[in-house]
C-alpha atoms as a PDB file:
ATOM      1  CA  UNK A   1      78.141  51.211  63.959  1.00  0.00           C
ATOM      2  CA  UNK A   2      77.279  51.866  67.354  1.00  0.00           C
ATOM      3  CA  UNK A   3      80.163  54.183  68.178  1.00  0.00           C
ATOM      4  CA  UNK A   4      79.108  55.911  64.643  1.00  0.00           C
ATOM      5  CA  UNK A   5      75.491  56.621  65.908  1.00  0.00           C
ATOM      6  CA  UNK A   6      76.658  57.681  69.523  1.00  0.00           C
ATOM      7  CA  UNK A   7      79.199  60.115  67.346  1.00  0.00           C
ATOM      8  CA  UNK A   8      76.581  61.248  65.410  1.00  0.00           C
ATOM      9  CA  UNK A   9      73.902  61.654  68.381  1.00  0.00           C
ATOM     10  CA  UNK A  10      76.717  63.765  70.417  1.00  0.00           C
ATOM     11  CA  UNK A  11      77.113  66.065  67.437  1.00  0.00           C
ATOM     12  CA  UNK A  12      73.387  66.787  67.075  1.00  0.00           C
ATOM     13  CA  UNK A  13      73.201  67.514  70.791  1.00  0.00           C
ATOM     14  CA  UNK A  14      76.400  69.674  70.782  1.00  0.00           C
ATOM     15  CA  UNK A  15      74.669  71.659  67.771  1.00  0.00           C
ATOM     16  CA  UNK A  16      71.495  71.678  69.775  1.00  0.00           C
ATOM     17  CA  UNK A  17      73.303  73.326  72.802  1.00  0.00           C
ATOM     18  CA  UNK A  18      75.012  75.732  70.725  1.00  0.00           C
ATOM     19  CA  UNK A  19      71.860  76.772  69.199  1.00  0.00           C
ATOM     20  CA  UNK A  20      70.099  77.149  72.357  1.00  0.00           C
ATOM     21  CA  UNK A  21      73.053  79.070  73.880  1.00  0.00           C
ATOM     22  CA  UNK A  22      73.137  81.330  70.790  1.00  0.00           C
ATOM     23  CA  UNK A  23      69.288  82.080  71.000  1.00  0.00           C
ATOM     24  CA  UNK A  24      69.511  82.668  74.891  1.00  0.00           C
ATOM     25  CA  UNK A  25      72.465  84.970  74.216  1.00  0.00           C
ATOM     26  CA  UNK A  26      70.565  86.928  71.416  1.00  0.00           C
ATOM     27  CA  UNK A  27      67.506  87.179  73.702  1.00  0.00           C
ATOM     28  CA  UNK A  28      69.572  88.324  76.731  1.00  0.00           C
ATOM     29  CA  UNK A  29      71.087  90.999  74.241  1.00  0.00           C
ATOM     30  CA  UNK A  30      67.761  92.277  73.406  1.00  0.00           C
ATOM     31  CA  UNK A  31      66.417  92.314  76.666  1.00  0.00           C
ATOM     32  CA  UNK A  32      69.507  94.238  78.024  1.00  0.00           C
ATOM     33  CA  UNK A  33      69.142  96.880  75.371  1.00  0.00           C
ATOM     34  CA  UNK A  34      67.815 100.209  76.570  1.00  0.00           C
ATOM     35  CA  UNK A  35      64.143 100.755  75.563  1.00  0.00           C
ATOM     36  CA  UNK A  36      63.883 103.291  72.735  1.00  0.00           C
ATOM     37  CA  UNK A  37      62.588 106.852  73.855  1.00  0.00           C
ATOM     38  CA  UNK A  38      59.388 107.570  72.372  1.00  0.00           C
ATOM     39  CA  UNK A  39      59.756 111.378  71.764  1.00  0.00           C
ATOM     40  CA  UNK A  40      56.072 111.502  71.808  1.00  0.00           C
ATOM     41  CA  UNK A  41      56.001 110.497  75.492  1.00  0.00           C
ATOM     42  CA  UNK A  42      58.497 113.340  76.552  1.00  0.00           C
ATOM     43  CA  UNK A  43      56.578 115.809  78.808  1.00  0.00           C
ATOM     44  CA  UNK A  44      56.693 119.164  76.868  1.00  0.00           C
ATOM     45  CA  UNK A  45      54.462 121.205  79.082  1.00  0.00           C
ATOM     46  CA  UNK A  46      53.421 121.614  82.818  1.00  0.00           C
ATOM     47  CA  UNK A  47      50.454 122.692  84.837  1.00  0.00           C
ATOM     48  CA  UNK A  48      52.071 126.321  84.755  1.00  0.00           C
ATOM     49  CA  UNK A  49      48.998 128.748  83.814  1.00  0.00           C
ATOM     50  CA  UNK A  50      50.474 131.709  81.882  1.00  0.00           C
ATOM     51  CA  UNK A  51      47.174 133.455  82.455  1.00  0.00           C
ATOM     52  CA  UNK A  52      47.253 133.166  86.401  1.00  0.00           C
ATOM     53  CA  UNK A  53      51.196 134.319  86.284  1.00  0.00           C
ATOM     54  CA  UNK A  54      49.902 137.427  84.286  1.00  0.00           C
ATOM     55  CA  UNK A  55      47.120 138.060  86.646  1.00  0.00           C
ATOM     56  CA  UNK A  56      49.967 138.025  89.585  1.00  0.00           C
ATOM     57  CA  UNK A  57      51.633 140.661  87.480  1.00  0.00           C
ATOM     58  CA  UNK A  58      48.762 142.874  87.183  1.00  0.00           C
ATOM     59  CA  UNK A  59      47.891 142.726  90.839  1.00  0.00           C
ATOM     60  CA  UNK A  60      51.345 144.073  91.659  1.00  0.00           C
ATOM     61  CA  UNK A  61      51.165 146.837  88.968  1.00  0.00           C
ATOM     62  CA  UNK A  62      47.668 147.891  90.271  1.00  0.00           C
ATOM     63  CA  UNK A  63      49.568 148.713  93.547  1.00  0.00           C
ATOM     64  CA  UNK A  64      51.581 151.164  91.814  1.00  0.00           C
ATOM     65  CA  UNK A  65      55.297 151.776  92.089  1.00  0.00           C
ATOM     66  CA  UNK A  66      56.921 149.564  94.592  1.00  0.00           C
ATOM     67  CA  UNK A  67      60.380 150.531  95.813  1.00  0.00           C
ATOM     68  CA  UNK A  68      61.682 149.319  99.046  1.00  0.00           C
ATOM     69  CA  UNK A  69      60.381 150.849 102.100  1.00  0.00           C
ATOM     70  CA  UNK A  70      56.934 152.101 100.398  1.00  0.00           C
ATOM     71  CA  UNK A  71      53.345 151.263 101.561  1.00  0.00           C
ATOM     72  CA  UNK A  72      52.942 149.713  98.086  1.00  0.00           C
ATOM     73  CA  UNK A  73      55.547 147.296  98.290  1.00  0.00           C
ATOM     74  CA  UNK A  74      53.964 146.124 101.721  1.00  0.00           C
ATOM     75  CA  UNK A  75      50.716 145.641  99.871  1.00  0.00           C
ATOM     76  CA  UNK A  76      52.602 143.447  97.549  1.00  0.00           C
ATOM     77  CA  UNK A  77      54.329 141.617 100.225  1.00  0.00           C
ATOM     78  CA  UNK A  78      51.102 140.749 101.951  1.00  0.00           C
ATOM     79  CA  UNK A  79      49.641 139.672  98.393  1.00  0.00           C
ATOM     80  CA  UNK A  80      52.783 137.321  98.107  1.00  0.00           C
ATOM     81  CA  UNK A  81      52.282 135.971 101.619  1.00  0.00           C
ATOM     82  CA  UNK A  82      48.675 135.270 101.228  1.00  0.00           C
ATOM     83  CA  UNK A  83      49.132 133.371  98.102  1.00  0.00           C
ATOM     84  CA  UNK A  84      52.263 131.038  99.054  1.00  0.00           C
ATOM     85  CA  UNK A  85      50.047 130.239 102.175  1.00  0.00           C
ATOM     86  CA  UNK A  86      47.191 129.386 100.213  1.00  0.00           C
ATOM     87  CA  UNK A  87      49.532 126.906  98.361  1.00  0.00           C
ATOM     88  CA  UNK A  88      49.844 125.151 101.613  1.00  0.00           C
ATOM     89  CA  UNK A  89      53.673 126.244 101.665  1.00  0.00           C
ATOM     90  CA  UNK A  90      55.713 126.812 105.098  1.00  0.00           C
ATOM     91  CA  UNK A  91      56.310 130.631 104.494  1.00  0.00           C
ATOM     92  CA  UNK A  92      58.964 133.013 106.688  1.00  0.00           C
ATOM     93  CA  UNK A  93      59.081 136.560 106.536  1.00  0.00           C
ATOM     94  CA  UNK A  94      62.976 137.310 106.905  1.00  0.00           C
ATOM     95  CA  UNK A  95      63.027 141.007 108.056  1.00  0.00           C
ATOM     96  CA  UNK A  96      66.393 143.098 107.788  1.00  0.00           C
ATOM     97  CA  UNK A  97      67.204 146.790 108.116  1.00  0.00           C
ATOM     98  CA  UNK A  98      70.186 147.537 105.905  1.00  0.00           C
ATOM     99  CA  UNK A  99      71.961 150.773 105.518  1.00  0.00           C
ATOM    100  CA  UNK A 100      71.133 152.899 102.556  1.00  0.00           C
ATOM    101  CA  UNK A 101      71.772 156.386 100.826  1.00  0.00           C
ATOM    102  CA  UNK A 102      68.546 157.138 102.763  1.00  0.00           C
ATOM    103  CA  UNK A 103      69.593 155.946 105.993  1.00  0.00           C
ATOM    104  CA  UNK A 104      68.377 152.505 107.561  1.00  0.00           C
ATOM    105  CA  UNK A 105      65.369 150.862 105.808  1.00  0.00           C
ATOM    106  CA  UNK A 106      63.491 148.163 106.768  1.00  0.00           C
ATOM    107  CA  UNK A 107      63.225 145.338 104.336  1.00  0.00           C
ATOM    108  CA  UNK A 108      62.058 141.654 103.958  1.00  0.00           C
ATOM    109  CA  UNK A 109      62.772 138.552 102.234  1.00  0.00           C
ATOM    110  CA  UNK A 110      59.920 136.270 101.615  1.00  0.00           C
ATOM    111  CA  UNK A 111      60.849 132.406 101.861  1.00  0.00           C
ATOM    112  CA  UNK A 112      58.362 129.492 101.045  1.00  0.00           C
ATOM    113  CA  UNK A 113      59.696 126.272 101.417  1.00  0.00           C
ATOM    114  CA  UNK A 114      58.399 122.933  99.657  1.00  0.00           C
ATOM    115  CA  UNK A 115      60.111 119.912 101.583  1.00  0.00           C
ATOM    116  CA  UNK A 116      61.762 117.144  99.591  1.00  0.00           C
ATOM    117  CA  UNK A 117      63.402 113.788 100.762  1.00  0.00           C
ATOM    118  CA  UNK A 118      66.689 115.565 101.328  1.00  0.00           C
ATOM    119  CA  UNK A 119      67.291 118.667 103.674  1.00  0.00           C
ATOM    120  CA  UNK A 120      69.735 119.974 100.977  1.00  0.00           C
ATOM    121  CA  UNK A 121      68.019 123.009  99.073  1.00  0.00           C
ATOM    122  CA  UNK A 122      67.691 124.420  95.587  1.00  0.00           C
ATOM    123  CA  UNK A 123      66.329 128.009  95.447  1.00  0.00           C
ATOM    124  CA  UNK A 124      64.161 129.795  92.759  1.00  0.00           C
ATOM    125  CA  UNK A 125      64.009 133.230  93.336  1.00  0.00           C
ATOM    126  CA  UNK A 126      62.833 136.673  91.935  1.00  0.00           C
ATOM    127  CA  UNK A 127      63.096 140.360  93.378  1.00  0.00           C
ATOM    128  CA  UNK A 128      59.595 141.759  94.070  1.00  0.00           C
ATOM    129  CA  UNK A 129      60.667 145.656  94.649  1.00  0.00           C
ATOM    130  CA  UNK A 130      60.747 147.910  91.922  1.00  0.00           C
ATOM    131  CA  UNK A 131      63.286 150.988  91.000  1.00  0.00           C
ATOM    132  CA  UNK A 132      62.698 154.336  92.614  1.00  0.00           C
ATOM    133  CA  UNK A 133      62.003 157.037  90.188  1.00  0.00           C
ATOM    134  CA  UNK A 134      60.733 160.593  91.318  1.00  0.00           C
ATOM    135  CA  UNK A 135      60.025 162.362  88.115  1.00  0.00           C
ATOM    136  CA  UNK A 136      57.973 159.685  86.588  1.00  0.00           C
ATOM    137  CA  UNK A 137      55.773 156.839  87.530  1.00  0.00           C
ATOM    138  CA  UNK A 138      57.431 153.747  87.194  1.00  0.00           C
ATOM    139  CA  UNK A 139      55.172 150.438  87.407  1.00  0.00           C
ATOM    140  CA  UNK A 140      57.908 147.775  86.921  1.00  0.00           C
ATOM    141  CA  UNK A 141      55.552 145.225  84.991  1.00  0.00           C
ATOM    142  CA  UNK A 142      58.345 143.418  83.558  1.00  0.00           C
ATOM    143  CA  UNK A 143      61.280 144.584  86.107  1.00  0.00           C
ATOM    144  CA  UNK A 144      60.116 142.996  89.236  1.00  0.00           C
ATOM    145  CA  UNK A 145      56.372 142.203  88.268  1.00  0.00           C
ATOM    146  CA  UNK A 146      56.971 139.488  85.839  1.00  0.00           C
ATOM    147  CA  UNK A 147      59.691 137.312  87.586  1.00  0.00           C
ATOM    148  CA  UNK A 148      57.626 137.657  90.636  1.00  0.00           C
ATOM    149  CA  UNK A 149      54.272 136.490  88.868  1.00  0.00           C
ATOM    150  CA  UNK A 150      56.100 133.610  87.300  1.00  0.00           C
ATOM    151  CA  UNK A 151      57.808 132.263  90.419  1.00  0.00           C
ATOM    152  CA  UNK A 152      54.333 132.334  92.368  1.00  0.00           C
ATOM    153  CA  UNK A 153      52.874 130.174  89.487  1.00  0.00           C
ATOM    154  CA  UNK A 154      55.833 127.966  89.590  1.00  0.00           C
ATOM    155  CA  UNK A 155      55.271 127.662  93.501  1.00  0.00           C
ATOM    156  CA  UNK A 156      51.783 126.978  93.207  1.00  0.00           C
ATOM    157  CA  UNK A 157      52.179 124.286  90.413  1.00  0.00           C
ATOM    158  CA  UNK A 158      55.030 122.418  92.651  1.00  0.00           C
ATOM    159  CA  UNK A 159      53.197 122.483  95.699  1.00  0.00           C
ATOM    160  CA  UNK A 160      50.212 120.945  93.807  1.00  0.00           C
ATOM    161  CA  UNK A 161      52.659 118.104  92.845  1.00  0.00           C
ATOM    162  CA  UNK A 162      53.484 117.336  96.493  1.00  0.00           C
ATOM    163  CA  UNK A 163      52.601 113.452  96.108  1.00  0.00           C
ATOM    164  CA  UNK A 164      55.540 113.370  93.645  1.00  0.00           C
ATOM    165  CA  UNK A 165      57.898 114.336  96.408  1.00  0.00           C
ATOM    166  CA  UNK A 166      61.093 115.892  94.892  1.00  0.00           C
ATOM    167  CA  UNK A 167      64.746 114.735  95.872  1.00  0.00           C
ATOM    168  CA  UNK A 168      65.627 117.994  97.196  1.00  0.00           C
ATOM    169  CA  UNK A 169      63.936 120.585  99.310  1.00  0.00           C
ATOM    170  CA  UNK A 170      62.947 123.787  97.383  1.00  0.00           C
ATOM    171  CA  UNK A 171      62.874 127.465  98.581  1.00  0.00           C
ATOM    172  CA  UNK A 172      60.816 129.909  96.561  1.00  0.00           C
ATOM    173  CA  UNK A 173      62.612 133.419  97.503  1.00  0.00           C
ATOM    174  CA  UNK A 174      61.214 136.906  96.972  1.00  0.00           C
ATOM    175  CA  UNK A 175      64.009 139.324  97.448  1.00  0.00           C
ATOM    176  CA  UNK A 176      63.582 143.023  98.697  1.00  0.00           C
ATOM    177  CA  UNK A 177      65.705 145.789  97.740  1.00  0.00           C
ATOM    178  CA  UNK A 178      67.333 144.544  94.345  1.00  0.00           C
ATOM    179  CA  UNK A 179      67.113 147.874  92.612  1.00  0.00           C
ATOM    180  CA  UNK A 180      69.569 150.900  93.872  1.00  0.00           C
ATOM    181  CA  UNK A 181      68.017 153.603  95.905  1.00  0.00           C
ATOM    182  CA  UNK A 182      70.230 156.064  93.887  1.00  0.00           C
ATOM    183  CA  UNK A 183      69.494 156.793  90.468  1.00  0.00           C
ATOM    184  CA  UNK A 184      72.458 154.480  89.143  1.00  0.00           C
ATOM    185  CA  UNK A 185      73.362 150.823  90.169  1.00  0.00           C
ATOM    186  CA  UNK A 186      76.757 151.523  91.535  1.00  0.00           C
ATOM    187  CA  UNK A 187      76.398 155.466  92.386  1.00  0.00           C
ATOM    188  CA  UNK A 188      76.372 155.072  96.052  1.00  0.00           C
ATOM    189  CA  UNK A 189      77.497 152.964  99.017  1.00  0.00           C
ATOM    190  CA  UNK A 190      80.932 152.118  97.221  1.00  0.00           C
ATOM    191  CA  UNK A 191      78.686 150.285  94.772  1.00  0.00           C
ATOM    192  CA  UNK A 192      76.642 148.273  97.443  1.00  0.00           C
ATOM    193  CA  UNK A 193      73.580 150.285  96.767  1.00  0.00           C
ATOM    194  CA  UNK A 194      71.729 147.315  95.378  1.00  0.00           C
ATOM    195  CA  UNK A 195      70.787 143.405  95.659  1.00  0.00           C
ATOM    196  CA  UNK A 196      70.154 144.152  99.457  1.00  0.00           C
ATOM    197  CA  UNK A 197      68.081 141.166  99.892  1.00  0.00           C
ATOM    198  CA  UNK A 198      70.194 138.460  98.174  1.00  0.00           C
ATOM    199  CA  UNK A 199      73.250 139.995 100.017  1.00  0.00           C
ATOM    200  CA  UNK A 200      71.750 139.953 103.253  1.00  0.00           C
ATOM    201  CA  UNK A 201      70.519 136.277 102.730  1.00  0.00           C
ATOM    202  CA  UNK A 202      74.003 134.706 101.842  1.00  0.00           C
ATOM    203  CA  UNK A 203      75.407 136.740 104.931  1.00  0.00           C
ATOM    204  CA  UNK A 204      72.752 135.138 107.112  1.00  0.00           C
ATOM    205  CA  UNK A 205      73.528 131.669 105.820  1.00  0.00           C
ATOM    206  CA  UNK A 206      77.173 132.194 106.302  1.00  0.00           C
ATOM    207  CA  UNK A 207      76.750 133.374 109.925  1.00  0.00           C
ATOM    208  CA  UNK A 208      74.269 130.422 110.774  1.00  0.00           C
ATOM    209  CA  UNK A 209      76.756 127.825 108.739  1.00  0.00           C
ATOM    210  CA  UNK A 210      73.879 126.788 106.391  1.00  0.00           C
ATOM    211  CA  UNK A 211      75.540 127.427 103.298  1.00  0.00           C
ATOM    212  CA  UNK A 212      76.677 123.901 102.338  1.00  0.00           C
ATOM    213  CA  UNK A 213      72.748 122.965 102.323  1.00  0.00           C
ATOM    214  CA  UNK A 214      72.010 124.894  99.365  1.00  0.00           C
ATOM    215  CA  UNK A 215      73.093 123.188  96.041  1.00  0.00           C
ATOM    216  CA  UNK A 216      71.825 125.515  93.131  1.00  0.00           C
ATOM    217  CA  UNK A 217      70.117 128.830  92.701  1.00  0.00           C
ATOM    218  CA  UNK A 218      67.824 129.982  89.835  1.00  0.00           C
ATOM    219  CA  UNK A 219      67.082 133.481  89.564  1.00  0.00           C
ATOM    220  CA  UNK A 220      64.349 135.043  87.463  1.00  0.00           C
ATOM    221  CA  UNK A 221      64.382 138.656  86.207  1.00  0.00           C
ATOM    222  CA  UNK A 222      62.310 140.403  83.650  1.00  0.00           C
ATOM    223  CA  UNK A 223      61.038 137.096  82.048  1.00  0.00           C
ATOM    224  CA  UNK A 224      57.783 138.602  80.562  1.00  0.00           C
ATOM    225  CA  UNK A 225      58.681 140.414  77.634  1.00  0.00           C
ATOM    226  CA  UNK A 226      56.307 139.728  74.625  1.00  0.00           C
ATOM    227  CA  UNK A 227      59.441 139.571  72.326  1.00  0.00           C
ATOM    228  CA  UNK A 228      61.217 137.087  74.934  1.00  0.00           C
ATOM    229  CA  UNK A 229      64.801 136.454  74.361  1.00  0.00           C
ATOM    230  CA  UNK A 230      66.859 135.184  77.366  1.00  0.00           C
ATOM    231  CA  UNK A 231      70.513 135.077  76.661  1.00  0.00           C
ATOM    232  CA  UNK A 232      72.924 133.059  78.637  1.00  0.00           C
ATOM    233  CA  UNK A 233      74.541 134.983  81.351  1.00  0.00           C
ATOM    234  CA  UNK A 234      78.279 134.716  81.185  1.00  0.00           C
ATOM    235  CA  UNK A 235      79.036 134.343  85.143  1.00  0.00           C
ATOM    236  CA  UNK A 236      76.241 131.717  85.617  1.00  0.00           C
ATOM    237  CA  UNK A 237      77.319 128.341  86.265  1.00  0.00           C
ATOM    238  CA  UNK A 238      77.665 126.424  82.976  1.00  0.00           C
ATOM    239  CA  UNK A 239      75.921 123.178  83.921  1.00  0.00           C
ATOM    240  CA  UNK A 240      72.698 124.869  85.065  1.00  0.00           C
ATOM    241  CA  UNK A 241      72.983 127.011  81.828  1.00  0.00           C
ATOM    242  CA  UNK A 242      73.132 123.770  79.991  1.00  0.00           C
ATOM    243  CA  UNK A 243      70.580 121.989  81.690  1.00  0.00           C
ATOM    244  CA  UNK A 244      68.000 125.018  81.410  1.00  0.00           C
ATOM    245  CA  UNK A 245      68.812 125.559  77.654  1.00  0.00           C
ATOM    246  CA  UNK A 246      68.888 121.945  76.887  1.00  0.00           C
ATOM    247  CA  UNK A 247      65.324 121.827  78.228  1.00  0.00           C
ATOM    248  CA  UNK A 248      64.237 125.032  76.474  1.00  0.00           C
ATOM    249  CA  UNK A 249      65.456 123.253  73.036  1.00  0.00           C
ATOM    250  CA  UNK A 250      63.554 120.043  73.733  1.00  0.00           C
ATOM    251  CA  UNK A 251      60.477 121.961  74.308  1.00  0.00           C
ATOM    252  CA  UNK A 252      60.995 123.808  70.964  1.00  0.00           C
ATOM    253  CA  UNK A 253      61.906 127.239  72.589  1.00  0.00           C
ATOM    254  CA  UNK A 254      65.394 127.971  70.970  1.00  0.00           C
ATOM    255  CA  UNK A 255      64.046 131.561  69.934  1.00  0.00           C
ATOM    256  CA  UNK A 256      63.332 132.499  73.598  1.00  0.00           C
ATOM    257  CA  UNK A 257      66.349 130.789  74.598  1.00  0.00           C
ATOM    258  CA  UNK A 258      69.115 131.263  71.998  1.00  0.00           C
ATOM    259  CA  UNK A 259      72.634 130.287  71.939  1.00  0.00           C
ATOM    260  CA  UNK A 260      74.148 133.687  72.577  1.00  0.00           C
ATOM    261  CA  UNK A 261      75.424 135.356  76.000  1.00  0.00           C
ATOM    262  CA  UNK A 262      75.700 138.496  77.931  1.00  0.00           C
ATOM    263  CA  UNK A 263      77.077 139.610  81.227  1.00  0.00           C
ATOM    264  CA  UNK A 264      74.529 140.892  84.067  1.00  0.00           C
ATOM    265  CA  UNK A 265      75.280 141.914  87.613  1.00  0.00           C
ATOM    266  CA  UNK A 266      71.977 140.355  89.504  1.00  0.00           C
ATOM    267  CA  UNK A 267      71.178 138.825  92.584  1.00  0.00           C
ATOM    268  CA  UNK A 268      72.777 135.622  91.963  1.00  0.00           C
ATOM    269  CA  UNK A 269      76.275 137.110  92.008  1.00  0.00           C
ATOM    270  CA  UNK A 270      76.227 136.755  95.815  1.00  0.00           C
ATOM    271  CA  UNK A 271      75.474 132.902  95.747  1.00  0.00           C
ATOM    272  CA  UNK A 272      78.130 132.656  93.074  1.00  0.00           C
ATOM    273  CA  UNK A 273      80.723 134.052  95.266  1.00  0.00           C
ATOM    274  CA  UNK A 274      79.762 131.955  98.201  1.00  0.00           C
ATOM    275  CA  UNK A 275      80.200 128.933  96.117  1.00  0.00           C
ATOM    276  CA  UNK A 276      76.643 128.114  95.318  1.00  0.00           C
ATOM    277  CA  UNK A 277      75.975 127.385  91.632  1.00  0.00           C
ATOM    278  CA  UNK A 278      73.562 129.870  90.358  1.00  0.00           C
ATOM    279  CA  UNK A 279      72.025 131.066  87.108  1.00  0.00           C
ATOM    280  CA  UNK A 280      70.340 134.295  86.214  1.00  0.00           C
ATOM    281  CA  UNK A 281      67.349 134.135  83.684  1.00  0.00           C
ATOM    282  CA  UNK A 282      66.998 137.662  82.190  1.00  0.00           C
ATOM    283  CA  UNK A 283      65.703 139.152  79.335  1.00  0.00           C
ATOM    284  CA  UNK A 284      67.803 142.377  79.245  1.00  0.00           C
ATOM    285  CA  UNK A 285      66.930 143.536  75.604  1.00  0.00           C
ATOM    286  CA  UNK A 286      63.609 145.075  76.605  1.00  0.00           C
ATOM    287  CA  UNK A 287      62.489 147.398  73.792  1.00  0.00           C
ATOM    288  CA  UNK A 288      60.767 147.776  70.516  1.00  0.00           C
ATOM    289  CA  UNK A 289      62.024 149.428  67.239  1.00  0.00           C
ATOM    290  CA  UNK A 290      61.458 153.064  68.604  1.00  0.00           C
ATOM    291  CA  UNK A 291      61.323 152.917  72.490  1.00  0.00           C
ATOM    292  CA  UNK A 292      63.609 151.656  75.242  1.00  0.00           C
ATOM    293  CA  UNK A 293      61.039 150.091  77.979  1.00  0.00           C
ATOM    294  CA  UNK A 294      63.577 149.081  80.819  1.00  0.00           C
ATOM    295  CA  UNK A 295      63.582 151.670  83.567  1.00  0.00           C
ATOM    296  CA  UNK A 296      61.112 153.868  81.957  1.00  0.00           C
ATOM    297  CA  UNK A 297      57.456 154.859  82.355  1.00  0.00           C
ATOM    298  CA  UNK A 298      56.983 152.369  79.312  1.00  0.00           C
ATOM    299  CA  UNK A 299      57.484 149.201  81.674  1.00  0.00           C
ATOM    300  CA  UNK A 300      53.726 148.585  81.605  1.00  0.00           C
ATOM    301  CA  UNK A 301      51.561 145.780  81.831  1.00  0.00           C
ATOM    302  CA  UNK A 302      50.744 145.868  77.901  1.00  0.00           C
ATOM    303  CA  UNK A 303      54.308 144.902  77.090  1.00  0.00           C
ATOM    304  CA  UNK A 304      53.892 141.485  79.228  1.00  0.00           C
ATOM    305  CA  UNK A 305      52.755 138.287  77.559  1.00  0.00           C
ATOM    306  CA  UNK A 306      51.238 135.384  79.269  1.00  0.00           C
ATOM    307  CA  UNK A 307      52.744 133.134  76.648  1.00  0.00           C
ATOM    308  CA  UNK A 308      56.126 134.315  77.585  1.00  0.00           C
ATOM    309  CA  UNK A 309      55.463 133.607  81.324  1.00  0.00           C
ATOM    310  CA  UNK A 310      54.277 130.303  80.335  1.00  0.00           C
ATOM    311  CA  UNK A 311      57.392 129.240  78.428  1.00  0.00           C
ATOM    312  CA  UNK A 312      59.639 130.481  81.216  1.00  0.00           C
ATOM    313  CA  UNK A 313      57.669 128.571  84.006  1.00  0.00           C
ATOM    314  CA  UNK A 314      57.630 125.335  81.744  1.00  0.00           C
ATOM    315  CA  UNK A 315      61.586 125.409  80.916  1.00  0.00           C
ATOM    316  CA  UNK A 316      62.313 126.001  84.725  1.00  0.00           C
ATOM    317  CA  UNK A 317      59.646 123.223  85.965  1.00  0.00           C
ATOM    318  CA  UNK A 318      61.013 120.768  83.359  1.00  0.00           C
ATOM    319  CA  UNK A 319      64.716 121.560  83.888  1.00  0.00           C
ATOM    320  CA  UNK A 320      64.446 120.516  87.458  1.00  0.00           C
ATOM    321  CA  UNK A 321      65.057 116.816  87.112  1.00  0.00           C
ATOM    322  CA  UNK A 322      67.930 117.293  85.151  1.00  0.00           C
ATOM    323  CA  UNK A 323      69.415 119.617  87.557  1.00  0.00           C
ATOM    324  CA  UNK A 324      68.589 117.340  90.492  1.00  0.00           C
ATOM    325  CA  UNK A 325      70.537 114.724  88.767  1.00  0.00           C
ATOM    326  CA  UNK A 326      73.592 116.427  88.022  1.00  0.00           C
ATOM    327  CA  UNK A 327      73.557 117.303  91.898  1.00  0.00           C
ATOM    328  CA  UNK A 328      73.717 113.809  92.682  1.00  0.00           C
END
C-alpha cells in the first residue's frame, strides 16, 4: 500500500514537473519570438521642408545663369556657404583650377561635414553650376537648382538631429563644373569637358590616400520636376539602389521611384571607378507633352514642385539607416 502511494505521488510529481517544464518552454518561446512590427509605428516622413528647399531653388534662379567661373555662381557659392554654416556644420571651400576649353578656370567644391561615431564617410552630393548657353538665358531651376536646394535642406535636417549621432560621418558635397563648357558633353578635351568637381575630388582623395574612408556616395541631380519619376541608374551600385527604392516603396512613392532603369553619365562615375559604391538619383525625362525642358530656356521655377523635393528628401534621409546597416 505504501509502495503504491509512493508510486502515485512520484507519478503526480513527474506530471507536475513535466507540466511546469512545458509551461516554461512555451513561455520562453513566446518571449523569444520577435515583437510584431506595427506598421503604423514606421516613420513615413521627416522634418525635410519642401517649401524651404524650394526657396533655396528660387534664390539660385534669382542669381541668374550660373556657369562655372561666373559672378552669379560665386553669389550662389556664398549663399550655400552661409546656409551650411548657419546649420553649425564645419564647411570647407575646396578650390582647384582645371584646364577647360576656355583655358584654366577657377572652380571650387563646397564640403560640409557632420561628424559621426566613425571617421568613415558617406557622401550626399549635388552639382551647383548650370550649363553655359550664349543664345538663350538658361536658369537651371531643375538642372543644378533643385538638387542643390534639396541637399541644403537634407543637411539642415540632419544637422538639427545631431543628438541622434549617426554611425558614419556625413559629407554634403556641392560640386562645381559638372556641366560641359562646350555645347555638347563629350565635344571637347577628349570627352573630359565635364564633371570637373567630382573628378578633382576623387583625384585628391587618391593622392591623400583617403579613399578607403569613403563608404558610399548618393548623388542628386534634377530632382524637382513636378512630374517626378526617378529611374534606377544602370551603373549605380545595386545595393544602394535597392536600399533607396525599398524605402520609396515603404513610403508609398513607387510612382516617383518606378522599377525601370536608364543609363546616365554623371558625377557618380568617378567614385564608382575608384571603387566607392555610388548611386545617381536623377529624373532625366524632364518635359511635358509638347516641350523639352532639359537644357532649354524652359527650365524655370514654375516646373519645380516643393512636393517633389519633399519626396526625394524623405526617401534619402529614411534610406540612410538601411545603407549604414549594409555597410557594417
